[in-house]
Protein backbone atom coordinates (compact mmCIF):
# COMPACT_ATOMS: atom_id res chain seq x y z
CA MET A 1 -46.23 63.48 -103.94
CA SER A 2 -46.60 66.96 -105.39
CA ASP A 3 -49.67 69.14 -105.04
CA GLN A 4 -50.17 69.06 -108.80
CA SER A 5 -50.14 65.27 -109.07
CA ASN A 6 -52.95 64.96 -106.52
CA SER A 7 -54.91 68.12 -107.23
CA ASP A 8 -57.42 66.14 -109.35
CA ARG A 9 -58.39 63.80 -106.50
CA VAL A 10 -61.38 65.20 -104.64
CA ILE A 11 -63.13 63.46 -101.75
CA SER A 12 -66.90 63.76 -101.47
CA GLY A 13 -66.86 66.48 -104.14
CA ARG A 14 -65.33 68.93 -101.68
CA TYR A 15 -61.94 68.03 -100.20
CA ARG A 16 -59.06 68.17 -102.69
CA LEU A 17 -56.10 66.02 -101.59
CA LEU A 18 -52.74 67.81 -101.88
CA GLU A 19 -50.02 65.70 -100.24
CA PRO A 20 -49.60 63.03 -97.54
CA ILE A 21 -48.29 64.46 -94.28
CA GLY A 22 -48.30 61.38 -92.06
CA GLN A 23 -49.09 57.71 -91.92
CA GLY A 24 -49.34 54.87 -89.47
CA GLY A 25 -50.91 51.52 -88.90
CA MET A 26 -54.43 52.95 -89.19
CA GLY A 27 -54.02 54.91 -92.41
CA ILE A 28 -52.67 57.99 -94.17
CA VAL A 29 -53.25 61.63 -93.25
CA TRP A 30 -53.43 64.07 -96.16
CA ARG A 31 -53.09 67.80 -96.36
CA ALA A 32 -56.16 68.85 -98.30
CA ARG A 33 -58.13 71.93 -99.32
CA ASP A 34 -61.77 72.45 -98.47
CA GLU A 35 -63.10 73.88 -101.75
CA VAL A 36 -66.29 75.14 -100.10
CA LEU A 37 -64.74 77.08 -97.22
CA ALA A 38 -61.42 77.77 -99.01
CA ARG A 39 -59.23 76.53 -96.16
CA GLU A 40 -56.65 73.79 -95.67
CA VAL A 41 -57.62 70.78 -93.61
CA ALA A 42 -56.26 67.35 -92.69
CA VAL A 43 -58.06 64.33 -94.12
CA LYS A 44 -57.49 60.86 -92.73
CA GLU A 45 -57.74 57.94 -95.14
CA VAL A 46 -57.99 54.39 -93.81
CA ARG A 47 -55.44 51.93 -95.09
CA ALA A 48 -56.92 48.49 -94.68
CA PRO A 49 -54.46 45.59 -94.33
CA ALA A 50 -54.45 43.15 -97.23
CA GLY A 51 -56.44 39.97 -96.92
CA LEU A 52 -59.14 41.22 -94.56
CA GLU A 53 -62.50 39.52 -94.69
CA PRO A 54 -65.48 41.73 -95.52
CA ALA A 55 -66.68 41.58 -91.91
CA GLU A 56 -63.28 42.64 -90.63
CA LEU A 57 -63.09 45.43 -93.19
CA GLU A 58 -66.48 46.70 -92.10
CA ARG A 59 -65.35 46.61 -88.48
CA LEU A 60 -62.30 48.68 -89.42
CA TYR A 61 -64.47 51.27 -91.14
CA ARG A 62 -66.72 51.43 -88.12
CA ARG A 63 -63.65 52.06 -85.95
CA LEU A 64 -62.66 54.97 -88.18
CA GLU A 65 -66.13 56.49 -87.87
CA ARG A 66 -65.87 55.93 -84.15
CA GLU A 67 -62.70 58.02 -84.08
CA ALA A 68 -64.61 60.97 -85.54
CA TRP A 69 -67.51 60.46 -83.16
CA ALA A 70 -65.25 60.23 -80.12
CA ALA A 71 -63.06 63.22 -81.02
CA ALA A 72 -66.05 65.38 -81.99
CA ARG A 73 -67.47 64.94 -78.48
CA VAL A 74 -64.41 66.52 -76.91
CA SER A 75 -64.30 70.31 -76.95
CA HIS A 76 -60.82 71.39 -75.90
CA ARG A 77 -58.07 73.42 -77.52
CA GLY A 78 -55.65 70.58 -76.83
CA VAL A 79 -57.64 68.06 -78.90
CA VAL A 80 -57.62 68.01 -82.71
CA THR A 81 -60.97 69.39 -83.94
CA VAL A 82 -63.02 67.13 -86.23
CA TYR A 83 -64.90 69.05 -88.94
CA ASP A 84 -66.61 66.37 -90.98
CA VAL A 85 -66.89 62.67 -91.83
CA ALA A 86 -67.02 62.29 -95.60
CA SER A 87 -67.74 59.15 -97.61
CA GLU A 88 -65.89 58.12 -100.73
CA GLY A 89 -65.55 54.70 -102.33
CA GLY A 90 -67.60 53.09 -99.60
CA ARG A 91 -65.12 54.26 -96.94
CA PRO A 92 -65.30 57.02 -94.33
CA TRP A 93 -62.77 59.88 -94.51
CA ILE A 94 -62.27 62.02 -91.41
CA VAL A 95 -61.80 65.73 -92.03
CA MET A 96 -59.90 67.44 -89.22
CA GLU A 97 -58.16 70.62 -88.20
CA LEU A 98 -54.76 70.94 -89.85
CA VAL A 99 -52.19 71.37 -87.06
CA ARG A 100 -48.90 72.70 -88.39
CA GLY A 101 -45.95 71.49 -86.39
CA LEU A 102 -44.10 68.34 -85.35
CA SER A 103 -45.09 65.34 -83.33
CA LEU A 104 -43.45 64.82 -79.96
CA ALA A 105 -41.85 61.68 -81.44
CA ASP A 106 -40.23 63.81 -84.17
CA VAL A 107 -38.98 66.32 -81.60
CA LEU A 108 -37.44 63.60 -79.41
CA GLU A 109 -35.80 61.96 -82.42
CA ALA A 110 -34.29 65.26 -83.57
CA GLU A 111 -33.31 66.76 -80.20
CA GLY A 112 -32.94 63.82 -77.84
CA PRO A 113 -34.28 63.63 -74.26
CA MET A 114 -36.00 66.67 -72.81
CA THR A 115 -35.39 68.49 -69.57
CA PRO A 116 -37.83 67.54 -66.78
CA GLN A 117 -39.27 71.06 -66.80
CA ARG A 118 -40.08 71.03 -70.51
CA ALA A 119 -41.50 67.50 -70.37
CA ALA A 120 -43.70 68.50 -67.42
CA HIS A 121 -45.00 71.52 -69.35
CA ILE A 122 -45.97 69.28 -72.29
CA GLY A 123 -47.41 66.62 -69.99
CA GLU A 124 -49.59 69.17 -68.22
CA GLN A 125 -51.21 70.18 -71.52
CA VAL A 126 -51.71 66.58 -72.65
CA LEU A 127 -53.28 65.77 -69.28
CA ALA A 128 -55.66 68.72 -69.63
CA ALA A 129 -56.82 67.32 -73.00
CA LEU A 130 -57.23 63.84 -71.49
CA ARG A 131 -59.27 65.16 -68.57
CA SER A 132 -61.58 66.94 -71.00
CA ALA A 133 -61.98 63.71 -72.97
CA HIS A 134 -62.63 61.70 -69.80
CA ASP A 135 -65.25 64.21 -68.71
CA SER A 136 -67.00 63.52 -72.04
CA GLY A 137 -66.86 59.77 -71.45
CA VAL A 138 -64.06 59.22 -73.98
CA LEU A 139 -60.94 57.13 -73.41
CA HIS A 140 -58.05 57.71 -75.78
CA ARG A 141 -56.27 54.33 -75.31
CA ASP A 142 -53.21 55.22 -77.40
CA VAL A 143 -51.39 58.12 -75.72
CA LYS A 144 -47.83 58.15 -77.07
CA PRO A 145 -45.32 60.65 -78.52
CA GLY A 146 -46.47 60.00 -82.08
CA ASN A 147 -50.00 61.13 -81.22
CA VAL A 148 -48.96 64.37 -79.50
CA LEU A 149 -48.42 67.35 -81.81
CA ILE A 150 -46.28 70.36 -80.93
CA ALA A 151 -47.90 73.11 -83.02
CA ASN A 152 -45.99 76.03 -84.47
CA ASP A 153 -48.11 78.39 -82.38
CA GLY A 154 -46.98 76.68 -79.16
CA ARG A 155 -50.06 74.54 -78.57
CA VAL A 156 -49.71 70.92 -77.51
CA VAL A 157 -52.46 68.95 -79.25
CA LEU A 158 -53.58 65.37 -78.68
CA GLY A 159 -54.76 63.60 -81.81
CA ASP A 160 -55.62 60.19 -83.29
CA PHE A 161 -58.58 58.91 -81.36
CA GLY A 162 -58.63 56.03 -83.86
CA ILE A 163 -58.95 53.36 -81.19
CA ALA A 164 -60.82 55.43 -78.63
CA THR A 165 -63.74 53.95 -76.73
CA LEU A 166 -66.87 55.60 -75.42
CA GLU A 167 -68.03 54.61 -71.95
CA GLY A 168 -71.36 52.84 -72.07
CA SER A 169 -71.06 51.77 -75.74
CA SER A 170 -70.52 48.28 -77.09
CA ALA A 171 -66.98 47.13 -77.72
CA ILE A 172 -65.82 46.92 -81.32
CA THR A 173 -62.55 45.05 -80.90
CA MET A 174 -62.60 41.28 -80.81
CA THR A 175 -61.94 39.41 -77.59
CA GLY A 176 -58.23 38.98 -77.02
CA GLU A 177 -57.20 41.58 -79.60
CA VAL A 178 -54.51 43.97 -78.42
CA VAL A 179 -55.30 47.51 -79.49
CA GLY A 180 -52.71 50.22 -79.08
CA SER A 181 -48.93 50.32 -78.74
CA PRO A 182 -47.80 47.47 -76.39
CA GLU A 183 -45.15 49.51 -74.56
CA PHE A 184 -47.75 52.17 -73.65
CA LEU A 185 -50.49 49.73 -72.57
CA ALA A 186 -51.47 49.83 -68.91
CA PRO A 187 -51.06 46.54 -66.98
CA GLU A 188 -54.83 46.11 -66.61
CA ARG A 189 -55.25 46.34 -70.39
CA ALA A 190 -52.40 43.91 -71.00
CA LEU A 191 -54.27 41.47 -68.73
CA GLY A 192 -57.46 41.87 -70.76
CA ARG A 193 -59.35 43.89 -68.18
CA ASP A 194 -61.58 46.83 -68.97
CA PRO A 195 -59.64 50.10 -69.26
CA GLY A 196 -60.55 53.32 -67.50
CA PRO A 197 -59.24 56.88 -67.24
CA ALA A 198 -56.34 55.57 -65.11
CA SER A 199 -55.18 53.56 -68.13
CA ASP A 200 -54.64 56.78 -70.10
CA LEU A 201 -52.73 58.20 -67.12
CA TRP A 202 -50.39 55.19 -67.18
CA ALA A 203 -49.69 55.82 -70.88
CA LEU A 204 -49.02 59.48 -70.08
CA GLY A 205 -46.50 58.35 -67.46
CA VAL A 206 -44.73 56.09 -69.97
CA MET A 207 -44.63 58.93 -72.48
CA LEU A 208 -43.11 61.34 -69.94
CA TYR A 209 -40.56 58.69 -68.88
CA ALA A 210 -39.51 58.24 -72.51
CA ALA A 211 -39.34 62.02 -73.00
CA VAL A 212 -36.79 62.58 -70.20
CA GLU A 213 -34.93 59.26 -70.24
CA GLY A 214 -34.76 58.78 -74.00
CA VAL A 215 -36.07 55.22 -73.82
CA SER A 216 -39.40 53.58 -73.04
CA PRO A 217 -39.29 51.89 -69.61
CA PHE A 218 -40.83 48.54 -70.59
CA ARG A 219 -39.84 48.11 -74.25
CA GLN A 220 -38.46 44.66 -75.05
CA ALA A 221 -37.40 42.81 -78.20
CA THR A 222 -40.89 41.47 -78.99
CA PRO A 223 -44.43 42.75 -78.31
CA LEU A 224 -45.14 39.71 -76.11
CA ASP A 225 -42.04 40.29 -73.98
CA THR A 226 -43.01 43.96 -73.75
CA LEU A 227 -46.46 43.06 -72.42
CA ARG A 228 -44.90 40.73 -69.86
CA ALA A 229 -42.60 43.52 -68.69
CA VAL A 230 -45.55 45.90 -68.42
CA VAL A 231 -47.35 43.46 -66.13
CA ASP A 232 -44.49 42.02 -64.07
CA ALA A 233 -41.30 44.09 -64.35
CA GLU A 234 -40.38 46.79 -61.89
CA LEU A 235 -40.08 50.34 -63.15
CA PRO A 236 -36.43 50.99 -64.06
CA PRO A 237 -35.20 53.82 -61.81
CA PRO A 238 -35.09 57.02 -63.87
CA ARG A 239 -31.71 58.75 -64.06
CA ARG A 240 -32.58 62.01 -65.79
CA ALA A 241 -36.09 62.69 -64.47
CA GLY A 242 -35.00 64.99 -61.64
CA ALA A 243 -38.02 66.85 -60.25
CA LEU A 244 -40.32 64.80 -62.48
CA GLU A 245 -39.47 61.49 -60.76
CA PRO A 246 -42.30 61.61 -58.15
CA VAL A 247 -44.81 62.18 -60.96
CA LEU A 248 -43.51 59.17 -62.91
CA GLU A 249 -43.60 57.01 -59.78
CA GLY A 250 -47.20 58.03 -59.10
CA LEU A 251 -48.47 57.49 -62.65
CA LEU A 252 -46.67 54.17 -63.23
CA ARG A 253 -48.14 52.15 -60.38
CA LYS A 254 -49.33 48.72 -61.49
CA ASP A 255 -52.61 48.92 -59.58
CA PRO A 256 -54.88 51.52 -61.24
CA ALA A 257 -56.56 52.17 -57.89
CA GLN A 258 -53.21 53.28 -56.46
CA ARG A 259 -52.29 55.42 -59.45
CA LEU A 260 -51.86 59.16 -59.06
CA PRO A 261 -55.25 60.93 -59.52
CA ALA A 262 -55.54 63.23 -62.52
CA ALA A 263 -56.07 66.38 -60.44
CA GLU A 264 -53.01 65.72 -58.29
CA ALA A 265 -50.92 64.82 -61.33
CA ALA A 266 -51.94 68.10 -62.97
CA ARG A 267 -50.89 70.04 -59.87
CA MET A 268 -47.53 68.34 -59.67
CA LEU A 269 -46.83 68.80 -63.39
CA ARG A 270 -47.72 72.48 -63.08
CA VAL A 271 -45.23 72.90 -60.22
CA VAL A 272 -42.41 71.05 -62.01
CA GLY A 273 -43.15 72.89 -65.25
CA ALA A 274 -42.76 76.19 -63.38
CA GLY A 275 -39.33 75.15 -62.12
CA GLY A 276 -40.30 73.82 -58.68
CA THR A 277 -39.97 70.34 -57.22
CA VAL A 278 -42.31 67.96 -55.44
CA ARG A 279 -40.89 65.61 -52.80
CA ALA A 280 -43.53 62.89 -53.18
CA PRO A 281 -46.98 62.45 -54.75
CA GLY A 282 -49.28 64.71 -52.78
CA GLY A 283 -46.43 65.94 -50.61
CA PRO A 284 -45.16 69.44 -49.93
CA VAL A 285 -43.46 71.46 -52.59
CA SER A 286 -39.96 72.86 -52.42
CA GLY A 287 -37.78 74.91 -54.70
CA PRO A 288 -37.62 78.54 -55.85
CA ASP A 289 -40.63 80.50 -54.61
CA ALA A 290 -42.13 77.27 -53.29
CA PRO A 291 -45.42 77.44 -51.35
CA THR A 292 -45.57 76.65 -47.66
CA THR A 293 -47.16 73.47 -46.35
CA SER A 294 -50.69 74.82 -46.17
CA ALA A 295 -50.44 76.60 -49.54
CA ALA A 296 -49.03 73.48 -51.20
CA HIS A 297 -52.06 71.54 -49.99
CA HIS A 298 -54.20 73.85 -52.11
CA GLY A 299 -51.71 74.17 -54.98
CA GLN A 300 -51.28 77.91 -54.41
CA GLY A 301 -48.11 79.96 -54.19
CA ALA A 302 -46.73 81.53 -51.04
CA GLY A 303 -43.77 83.56 -49.87
CA ARG A 304 -40.27 82.32 -49.24
CA GLY A 305 -39.37 80.50 -46.04
CA GLN A 306 -37.12 81.88 -43.31
CA GLY A 307 -34.10 79.97 -44.55
CA ALA A 308 -32.69 76.54 -45.24
CA GLY A 309 -34.12 74.08 -42.75
CA GLU A 310 -36.18 76.76 -40.97
CA GLY A 311 -39.51 76.36 -42.75
CA TYR A 312 -42.62 75.89 -40.66
CA ALA A 313 -43.65 72.20 -40.77
CA ALA A 314 -46.69 71.96 -38.47
CA PRO A 315 -49.67 69.88 -39.75
CA TYR A 316 -52.02 71.56 -42.22
CA GLY A 317 -54.59 73.72 -40.39
CA THR A 318 -52.38 74.32 -37.31
CA PRO A 319 -51.45 78.00 -36.97
CA PRO A 320 -47.74 78.69 -36.47
CA PRO A 321 -46.69 79.71 -32.94
CA ARG A 322 -46.61 83.43 -32.38
CA PRO A 323 -43.20 84.89 -31.45
CA VAL A 324 -42.77 86.01 -27.84
CA PRO A 325 -42.64 89.81 -27.82
CA GLY A 326 -39.29 91.17 -26.58
CA PRO A 327 -38.49 94.54 -25.04
CA GLY A 328 -39.02 97.33 -27.50
CA PRO A 329 -36.94 100.48 -27.97
CA GLY A 330 -39.24 102.49 -25.67
CA ALA A 331 -38.76 100.08 -22.76
CA ARG A 332 -34.98 100.15 -23.13
CA GLU A 333 -34.92 103.99 -23.13
CA GLY A 334 -37.12 104.11 -20.02
CA ARG A 335 -34.73 101.86 -18.08
CA ALA A 336 -31.72 104.02 -19.02
CA GLY A 337 -33.49 107.19 -17.81
CA LEU A 338 -34.37 105.58 -14.47
CA VAL A 339 -30.76 104.54 -13.85
CA LEU A 340 -29.53 108.06 -14.64
CA THR A 341 -32.05 109.67 -12.25
CA VAL A 342 -31.11 107.36 -9.37
CA GLY A 343 -27.42 108.13 -9.92
CA ILE A 344 -28.01 111.89 -9.77
CA VAL A 345 -30.03 111.59 -6.55
CA LEU A 346 -27.33 109.50 -4.88
CA MET A 347 -24.66 112.04 -5.90
CA LEU A 348 -26.67 114.92 -4.42
CA LEU A 349 -27.11 113.03 -1.15
CA ALA A 350 -23.36 112.38 -0.96
CA LEU A 351 -22.61 116.08 -1.46
CA VAL A 352 -25.06 117.07 1.28
CA ALA A 353 -23.47 114.54 3.66
CA VAL A 354 -19.96 115.87 2.97
CA GLY A 355 -21.04 119.49 3.52
CA TRP A 356 -22.74 118.66 6.80
CA LEU A 357 -19.59 116.94 8.05
CA LEU A 358 -17.40 119.93 7.12
CA LEU A 359 -19.70 122.39 8.84
């Protein structure tokens, strides 16, 4: 739609809708103009499915308001900023920061699979946004390429908290209802158990797998088959993940208690994004300018090793053995002088002996 054809539609007497810039199962996102502050914003309009009962429609509107509430609680540059929740036609409209750029899904569709280093760099920023949300008691519950924006200014921004939950609040979804994209659901959620921060980390792992491999690891022909694969199927061995493979293995463990912790995942993604490699979750780091064992334990850099296969590998906290001091240049010169002196003395004695015999 053109700007002119929609310039007469104003929400809450303030936000003039210009053109749709995205849509999904939850609604349409418009590019709009805030007439009060004279700036462009993004406005999310709910698109209710046909045939909903009034109670279900009200529940959907409450979920949309919940998105604004959840996202507004998170203060992080990697999370889309919510400015306002307007009301028009008995429905809530969420007014958000307008992020100019492409979604990760658009980038993957246009360019194909990413290199492990680039995927790790994006994953590190998404994880930073998730950790900020988790610290605020917010679970995203729908981390996927379509909800990650690659801004023109280089930022990686996590958006669409439309099905987010707040810890300690009552559940809105009905019992047995599957909320979110099936192929990104964690096994515990597919089994109907309560999600936690580890569930978002699983979805991050699936997203990173899809970014480097070009295909989602558990996607099947139907949503039900996909959920079964999420719960029961083994992780298909990645072929293009390279240095990112230990991170994927750590994030995509079926048991959330065994899943890679967020802090360790952030460290590993930072190393891979910088061009290094990690041998195993929590293990030592190798690669160009890789830290030594003790430095890797703290996630800090260190100098290069002595050479291939000569790195110090003693347990963390054990000082390396000191080299045995060898003879220095001064000691070698002293020995040479002593030998020369003894030789001269012996020569003089021989001359004296010969002279005595002649006399």
